C-alpha atoms as a PDB file:
ATOM      1  CA  MET A   1       0.000   0.000   0.000  1.00  0.00           C
ATOM      2  CA  LYS A   2       2.946   2.317   0.562  1.00  0.00           C
ATOM      3  CA  ILE A   3       3.686   2.226  -3.171  1.00  0.00           C
ATOM      4  CA  LEU A   4       0.178   3.472  -3.901  1.00  0.00           C
ATOM      5  CA  GLU A   5       0.491   6.247  -1.329  1.00  0.00           C
ATOM      6  CA  LYS A   6       3.828   7.305  -2.813  1.00  0.00           C
ATOM      7  CA  PHE A   7       2.350   7.201  -6.268  1.00  0.00           C
ATOM      8  CA  ALA A   8      -0.634   9.321  -5.231  1.00  0.00           C
ATOM      9  CA  ALA A   9       1.687  11.934  -3.753  1.00  0.00           C
ATOM     10  CA  ILE A  10       3.798  11.941  -6.911  1.00  0.00           C
ATOM     11  CA  VAL A  11       0.767  12.370  -9.145  1.00  0.00           C
ATOM     12  CA  LEU A  12      -0.464  15.300  -7.103  1.00  0.00           C
ATOM     13  CA  LEU A  13       2.972  16.886  -7.237  1.00  0.00           C
ATOM     14  CA  MET A  14       3.107  16.385 -10.988  1.00  0.00           C
ATOM     15  CA  ALA A  15      -0.039  18.434 -11.341  1.00  0.00           C
ATOM     16  CA  LEU A  16       1.880  21.310  -9.833  1.00  0.00           C
ATOM     17  CA  LEU A  17       4.888  20.870 -12.109  1.00  0.00           C
ATOM     18  CA  VAL A  18       4.008  23.377 -14.771  1.00  0.00           C
ATOM     19  CA  PRO A  19       6.697  25.175 -16.717  1.00  0.00           C
ATOM     20  CA  THR A  20       6.763  28.924 -16.134  1.00  0.00           C
ATOM     21  CA  ALA A  21       7.459  29.682 -19.797  1.00  0.00           C
ATOM     22  CA  TYR A  22       3.803  29.291 -20.746  1.00  0.00           C
ATOM     23  CA  ALA A  23       1.330  32.161 -20.661  1.00  0.00           C
ATOM     24  CA  VAL A  24      -1.161  29.928 -18.876  1.00  0.00           C
ATOM     25  CA  THR A  25      -0.627  27.361 -16.135  1.00  0.00           C
ATOM     26  CA  LEU A  26      -2.189  23.924 -16.077  1.00  0.00           C
ATOM     27  CA  GLN A  27      -4.524  24.947 -13.271  1.00  0.00           C
ATOM     28  CA  GLU A  28      -5.571  28.084 -15.157  1.00  0.00           C
ATOM     29  CA  ALA A  29      -6.222  26.066 -18.309  1.00  0.00           C
ATOM     30  CA  LYS A  30      -8.307  23.587 -16.311  1.00  0.00           C
ATOM     31  CA  ALA A  31     -10.261  26.374 -14.600  1.00  0.00           C
ATOM     32  CA  ALA A  32     -10.964  27.964 -17.988  1.00  0.00           C
ATOM     33  CA  GLY A  33     -12.345  24.664 -19.287  1.00  0.00           C
ATOM     34  CA  LEU A  34      -9.640  24.330 -21.938  1.00  0.00           C
ATOM     35  CA  VAL A  35      -8.095  21.075 -20.702  1.00  0.00           C
ATOM     36  CA  GLY A  36      -9.062  18.171 -18.499  1.00  0.00           C
ATOM     37  CA  GLU A  37      -7.946  14.815 -17.193  1.00  0.00           C
ATOM     38  CA  GLN A  38      -8.245  12.021 -19.760  1.00  0.00           C
ATOM     39  CA  MET A  39      -9.023   8.396 -18.928  1.00  0.00           C
ATOM     40  CA  ASN A  40      -5.561   7.407 -20.175  1.00  0.00           C
ATOM     41  CA  GLY A  41      -3.825   9.299 -17.339  1.00  0.00           C
ATOM     42  CA  TYR A  42      -2.810  12.277 -19.428  1.00  0.00           C
ATOM     43  CA  VAL A  43      -4.150  15.794 -19.882  1.00  0.00           C
ATOM     44  CA  GLY A  44      -6.314  16.388 -22.942  1.00  0.00           C
ATOM     45  CA  MET A  45      -7.782  19.272 -24.859  1.00  0.00           C
ATOM     46  CA  VAL A  46     -11.441  19.879 -24.022  1.00  0.00           C
ATOM     47  CA  VAL A  47     -11.790  22.521 -26.739  1.00  0.00           C
ATOM     48  CA  ALA A  48     -10.591  22.077 -30.295  1.00  0.00           C
ATOM     49  CA  ASN A  49      -9.527  25.666 -30.869  1.00  0.00           C
ATOM     50  CA  ALA A  50      -7.167  26.352 -27.963  1.00  0.00           C
ATOM     51  CA  GLU A  51      -4.269  28.721 -28.443  1.00  0.00           C
ATOM     52  CA  ALA A  52      -0.822  27.399 -29.257  1.00  0.00           C
ATOM     53  CA  ASP A  53       0.553  28.000 -25.762  1.00  0.00           C
ATOM     54  CA  VAL A  54      -2.181  25.799 -24.257  1.00  0.00           C
ATOM     55  CA  VAL A  55      -1.462  23.042 -26.772  1.00  0.00           C
ATOM     56  CA  ALA A  56       2.260  23.278 -25.977  1.00  0.00           C
ATOM     57  CA  LEU A  57       1.515  23.189 -22.250  1.00  0.00           C
ATOM     58  CA  VAL A  58      -0.553  20.012 -22.641  1.00  0.00           C
ATOM     59  CA  GLN A  59       2.198  18.354 -24.676  1.00  0.00           C
ATOM     60  CA  ASP A  60       4.841  19.304 -22.111  1.00  0.00           C
ATOM     61  CA  VAL A  61       2.796  18.132 -19.129  1.00  0.00           C
ATOM     62  CA  ASN A  62       2.042  14.847 -20.892  1.00  0.00           C
ATOM     63  CA  ASN A  63       5.714  14.313 -21.737  1.00  0.00           C
ATOM     64  CA  GLN A  64       6.616  14.861 -18.086  1.00  0.00           C
ATOM     65  CA  ARG A  65       3.878  12.495 -16.952  1.00  0.00           C
ATOM     66  CA  ARG A  66       4.878   9.822 -19.482  1.00  0.00           C
ATOM     67  CA  GLU A  67       8.468   9.905 -18.255  1.00  0.00           C
ATOM     68  CA  ARG A  68       7.397   9.713 -14.625  1.00  0.00           C
ATOM     69  CA  TYR A  69       4.945   6.883 -15.362  1.00  0.00           C
ATOM     70  CA  ARG A  70       7.790   4.966 -17.045  1.00  0.00           C
ATOM     71  CA  GLU A  71       9.974   5.393 -13.977  1.00  0.00           C
ATOM     72  CA  ILE A  72       7.207   4.252 -11.619  1.00  0.00           C
ATOM     73  CA  ALA A  73       6.330   1.283 -13.838  1.00  0.00           C
ATOM     74  CA  GLN A  74       9.941   0.194 -14.025  1.00  0.00           C
ATOM     75  CA  GLN A  75      10.528   0.594 -10.286  1.00  0.00           C
ATOM     76  CA  ASN A  76       7.438  -1.448  -9.447  1.00  0.00           C
ATOM     77  CA  GLY A  77       7.513  -4.046 -12.205  1.00  0.00           C
ATOM     78  CA  ILE A  78       4.148  -3.056 -13.641  1.00  0.00           C
ATOM     79  CA  SER A  79       3.030  -1.805 -17.027  1.00  0.00           C
ATOM     80  CA  LEU A  80       3.007   1.825 -18.069  1.00  0.00           C
ATOM     81  CA  GLU A  81      -0.722   1.459 -18.767  1.00  0.00           C
ATOM     82  CA  ALA A  82      -1.372   0.265 -15.206  1.00  0.00           C
ATOM     83  CA  VAL A  83       0.448   3.283 -13.820  1.00  0.00           C
ATOM     84  CA  ALA A  84      -1.463   5.626 -16.125  1.00  0.00           C
ATOM     85  CA  ALA A  85      -4.800   4.038 -15.135  1.00  0.00           C
ATOM     86  CA  LEU A  86      -4.014   4.537 -11.459  1.00  0.00           C
ATOM     87  CA  ALA A  87      -2.900   8.085 -12.193  1.00  0.00           C
ATOM     88  CA  TYR A  88      -6.289   8.786 -13.786  1.00  0.00           C
ATOM     89  CA  GLU A  89      -8.100   7.518 -10.693  1.00  0.00           C
ATOM     90  CA  ARG A  90      -5.973   9.736  -8.467  1.00  0.00           C
ATOM     91  CA  ALA A  91      -6.355  12.697 -10.823  1.00  0.00           C
ATOM     92  CA  VAL A  92     -10.145  12.369 -10.733  1.00  0.00           C
ATOM     93  CA  GLU A  93     -10.053  12.383  -6.940  1.00  0.00           C
ATOM     94  CA  ALA A  94      -7.869  15.511  -6.976  1.00  0.00           C
ATOM     95  CA  THR A  95      -9.800  17.341  -9.700  1.00  0.00           C
ATOM     96  CA  GLN A  96     -11.626  20.401  -8.458  1.00  0.00           C
ATOM     97  CA  ALA A  97     -15.369  20.723  -8.866  1.00  0.00           C
ATOM     98  CA  GLY A  98     -16.201  22.334 -12.193  1.00  0.00           C
ATOM     99  CA  HIS A  99     -13.065  21.090 -13.951  1.00  0.00           C
ATOM    100  CA  TYR A 100     -13.317  18.570 -16.776  1.00  0.00           C
ATOM    101  CA  ILE A 101     -12.632  14.846 -16.665  1.00  0.00           C
ATOM    102  CA  GLN A 102     -13.370  12.158 -19.216  1.00  0.00           C
ATOM    103  CA  ASP A 103     -16.117   9.733 -18.334  1.00  0.00           C
ATOM    104  CA  GLN A 104     -16.009   6.042 -19.219  1.00  0.00           C
ATOM    105  CA  SER A 105     -17.374   6.729 -22.708  1.00  0.00           C
ATOM    106  CA  GLY A 106     -14.655   9.307 -23.380  1.00  0.00           C
ATOM    107  CA  ARG A 107     -16.947  12.339 -23.146  1.00  0.00           C
ATOM    108  CA  TRP A 108     -15.821  15.442 -21.304  1.00  0.00           C
ATOM    109  CA  VAL A 109     -17.899  16.090 -18.189  1.00  0.00           C
ATOM    110  CA  ARG A 110     -17.551  18.589 -15.368  1.00  0.00           C
ATOM    111  CA  LYS A 111     -16.780  17.092 -12.009  1.00  0.00           C
END
């Protein structure tokens, strides 16, 4: 169970790891309804016409998450997909009311 607790803490910290070079932070983009937590454990675009800095932010956050998921998977002898699935569960728990998450059918819904 300690591995899961560590993982949950890491996932929450990752949400705060947003590069300062972007005009918008991950939390600001979520609050604006531009991005949300996808079922695959990564951040996704809720709107199709987001500005380039938001798209770049999403790509950067997802690259950071992918690398961290790889590390966790390797350290614990589990698949990357299993880590990402657990990350989604934790992300949903941590998502603020009014922010977007993907439901089981892949639709964007407000929490």
